[in-house]
Protein backbone atom coordinates (compact mmCIF):
# COMPACT_ATOMS: atom_id res chain seq x y z
CA MET A 1 -0.10 0.32 -0.04
CA MET A 2 3.07 2.03 0.14
CA VAL A 3 2.48 2.86 -3.50
CA ILE A 4 -0.98 5.05 -2.45
CA VAL A 5 0.95 6.73 0.81
CA ASP A 6 3.38 7.88 -0.95
CA GLU A 7 1.18 9.43 -3.47
CA ILE A 8 -0.85 11.41 -0.69
CA ARG A 9 2.22 12.04 0.77
CA ASN A 10 3.75 13.66 -2.14
CA GLU A 11 1.34 15.72 -2.90
CA LEU A 12 0.39 16.61 0.50
CA LYS A 13 4.09 18.11 0.05
CA GLN A 14 3.42 20.74 -2.46
CA MET A 15 0.38 21.84 -0.32
CA ASP A 16 0.89 24.67 1.74
CA GLU A 17 1.31 23.77 6.42
CA LYS A 18 -2.34 25.13 6.51
CA ASP A 19 -4.02 22.99 3.29
CA VAL A 20 -2.15 19.81 4.99
CA TYR A 21 -3.71 20.13 8.93
CA ILE A 22 -7.43 20.02 7.50
CA PHE A 23 -6.38 17.02 4.91
CA ILE A 24 -5.71 15.27 8.21
CA PHE A 25 -8.83 16.47 10.14
CA SER A 26 -10.58 14.82 7.02
CA LEU A 27 -8.94 11.89 7.43
CA LEU A 28 -9.30 11.54 11.14
CA SER A 29 -12.76 13.04 10.71
CA ARG A 30 -13.66 9.36 9.10
CA GLN A 31 -11.82 7.67 12.39
CA LYS A 32 -13.77 9.70 14.40
CA ASN A 33 -17.24 9.45 12.39
CA THR A 34 -16.62 5.67 12.98
CA PHE A 35 -15.42 5.50 16.20
CA ASP A 36 -18.54 7.05 17.66
CA GLN A 37 -20.81 4.37 15.16
CA ILE A 38 -18.72 1.99 17.54
CA ALA A 39 -18.97 3.80 20.52
CA GLU A 40 -23.60 4.67 20.31
CA ALA A 41 -23.37 -0.20 19.47
CA ASN A 42 -20.97 -0.18 22.78
CA GLN A 43 -23.47 2.18 24.97
CA TRP A 44 -19.89 3.34 25.32
CA ASP A 45 -20.09 6.54 28.11
CA GLY A 46 -17.43 9.16 27.83
CA SER A 47 -17.48 10.59 24.78
CA GLU A 48 -18.39 12.80 25.78
CA ILE A 49 -14.32 14.05 26.41
CA ILE A 50 -13.80 12.87 23.07
CA THR A 51 -15.92 15.23 21.23
CA GLU A 52 -14.40 17.15 23.05
CA VAL A 53 -10.70 17.05 22.43
CA TYR A 54 -11.88 16.62 18.82
CA SER A 55 -13.93 19.85 18.62
CA CYS A 56 -10.68 21.21 20.27
CA VAL A 57 -8.96 20.61 17.35
CA LYS A 58 -11.19 21.83 14.57
CA GLU A 59 -11.63 24.87 16.91
CA ASN A 60 -7.54 25.22 15.88
CA LEU A 61 -6.25 23.89 12.52
CA TYR A 62 -7.17 27.37 10.88
CA ASP A 63 -5.16 28.91 13.21
CA SER A 64 -1.49 28.12 13.01
CA THR A 65 -0.65 31.36 15.52
CA SER A 66 -2.71 28.79 17.84
CA SER A 67 -1.59 25.85 19.72
CA ILE A 68 -4.62 23.82 21.71
CA TYR A 69 -2.63 24.48 25.11
CA GLU A 70 -6.55 25.22 26.22
CA CYS A 71 -7.78 21.64 25.02
CA THR A 72 -6.62 20.36 28.83
CA VAL A 73 -7.23 16.71 27.70
CA THR A 74 -4.72 14.20 27.14
CA ARG A 75 -4.14 10.71 26.59
CA ALA A 76 -3.48 8.75 29.76
CA ASP A 77 -6.50 10.94 31.04
CA ILE A 78 -8.75 9.00 28.67
CA GLU A 79 -7.12 5.71 29.81
CA TYR A 80 -10.63 4.58 31.69
CA LEU A 81 -12.67 4.54 28.16
CA MET A 82 -10.83 1.56 27.26
CA TRP A 83 -14.15 -0.34 26.83
CA GLU A 84 -14.98 -4.02 26.74
CA ALA A 85 -16.24 -4.44 23.46
CA GLN A 86 -14.64 -7.15 20.69
CA GLU A 87 -11.07 -6.89 19.26
CA GLU A 88 -11.99 -5.34 16.37
CA ASP A 89 -13.24 -2.73 17.43
CA MET A 90 -11.13 -1.63 20.14
CA GLN A 91 -8.97 -2.02 18.09
CA ILE A 92 -10.33 0.57 15.86
CA ALA A 93 -11.75 2.94 18.64
CA ASN A 94 -8.00 1.97 19.94
CA THR A 95 -5.87 3.90 16.60
CA PHE A 96 -8.33 6.61 16.43
CA LEU A 97 -7.74 7.96 19.87
CA ASP A 98 -3.83 7.38 19.80
CA ASN A 99 -4.14 9.52 16.06
CA LEU A 100 -6.36 11.80 17.21
CA PHE A 101 -4.04 12.95 20.51
CA ALA A 102 -1.06 12.39 18.14
CA PHE A 103 -2.13 15.58 16.07
CA VAL A 104 -3.12 17.64 19.48
CA ASN A 105 0.73 17.13 19.95
CA GLN A 106 1.10 18.02 15.92
CA LEU A 107 -1.07 20.94 16.71
CA GLN A 108 0.64 22.35 19.37
CA ASP A 109 3.98 22.01 18.72
CA ARG A 110 3.95 23.28 14.03
CA SER A 111 7.33 23.60 13.89
CA ASN A 112 8.10 19.98 12.30
CA LEU A 113 4.95 18.55 9.98
CA ASP A 114 4.34 15.13 10.25
CA TYR A 115 3.48 13.59 7.01
CA ALA A 116 3.16 9.72 8.40
CA PHE A 117 -0.37 11.35 9.58
CA SER A 118 -1.08 11.28 5.53
CA GLN A 119 -1.09 6.84 5.97
CA CYS A 120 -2.92 6.02 9.39
CA ASN A 121 -6.36 5.37 7.56
CA PHE A 122 -4.62 3.00 4.91
CA ASP A 123 -2.89 1.24 8.05
CA LEU A 124 -6.05 1.01 10.10
CA LEU A 125 -7.68 -0.67 7.19
CA GLU A 126 -4.92 -2.88 6.54
CA SER A 127 -5.15 -4.10 9.84
CA ARG A 128 -9.32 -4.84 9.46
CA ILE A 129 -7.43 -6.58 6.46
CA ILE A 130 -4.89 -9.05 8.03
CA ASN A 131 -8.10 -9.11 11.01
CA GLU A 132 -10.21 -10.71 8.71
CA LEU A 133 -7.79 -12.85 6.53
CA GLY A 134 -5.49 -13.60 8.17
CA TRP A 135 -1.42 -12.61 7.36
CA GLU A 136 -0.22 -15.43 5.03
CA ASN A 137 -3.76 -14.58 3.22
CA VAL A 138 -2.19 -10.92 2.77
CA ASN A 139 -0.15 -9.06 -0.01
CA GLU A 140 0.21 -5.83 -1.77
CA ASP A 141 -2.43 -6.67 -4.45
CA VAL A 142 -5.08 -7.96 -1.32
CA LEU A 143 -4.30 -4.33 0.31
CA LEU A 144 -4.94 -2.48 -3.61
CA SER A 145 -7.42 -4.62 -4.78
CA ASN A 146 -9.57 -4.26 -1.00
CA ASP A 147 -12.44 -2.48 -1.97
CA ASN A 148 -13.21 0.10 1.64
CA VAL A 149 -8.69 0.47 0.75
CA GLN A 150 -9.52 1.97 -3.50
CA LEU A 151 -12.79 3.83 -0.95
CA GLU A 152 -10.88 5.39 1.13
CA TYR A 153 -8.16 6.25 -2.34
CA ALA A 154 -11.07 7.66 -3.80
CA ARG A 155 -11.60 9.71 -0.42
CA GLU A 156 -8.58 11.57 -0.27
CA LYS A 157 -7.61 12.03 -4.18
CA ARG A 158 -11.36 13.85 -4.20
CA ASP A 159 -9.81 16.00 -0.34
CA LEU A 160 -7.15 16.45 -1.75
CA GLU A 161 -8.46 18.37 -5.02
CA LEU A 162 -11.31 20.00 -3.43
CA ILE A 163 -8.64 21.40 -0.59
CA LYS A 164 -6.10 22.99 -3.13
CA SER A 165 -9.81 24.76 -4.97
CA GLY A 166 -10.63 26.56 -1.71
CA ARG A 167 -14.24 23.79 -1.68
CA PHE A 168 -13.59 21.54 0.32
CA ASP A 169 -16.06 21.86 3.88
CA ILE A 170 -14.81 21.05 7.12
CA ASP A 171 -17.75 20.70 8.26
CA ALA A 172 -19.24 18.23 5.67
CA CYS A 173 -17.51 15.31 7.41
CA SER A 174 -19.08 12.90 7.68
CA GLU A 175 -18.51 9.32 5.91
CA THR A 176 -17.30 6.84 8.31
CA LEU A 177 -14.17 4.28 7.49
CA VAL A 178 -14.90 1.51 7.17
């Protein structure tokens, strides 16, 4: 899947920092929407804390002089939210939380833009495919031909074009990752 990730990353490197942050937020939005569905299905308490952090990130995307120190929740603060659920649901939830707080850290220290976020959704999809098919049955061709991978790739390309053209609506991020 590195071919896709490298293509996206190369496009990001041609964009200004503000647009890269908006793109990363669009990736996290799909993870958050998936997380919300899982939280609701499992009747997890504490989702409002996650929503608070997510909203704080969203509010601080556009101000490159701002850091989000007013976002006082940390990843360690929500360790107690490690609910019981199916392993796949827990994996998606933990991946989203790890990525969300890594992005919080990125926004707090904007001195070194990390393009690694460009692969966060593909990493999550790859883990799901491996869990479904077994490690021995997964190779690059299987990953690249997977419907969810192709859908995410199309969405990321679409988001990049909309961001570049100035037509991306951050408030319209309603898709789920899976």
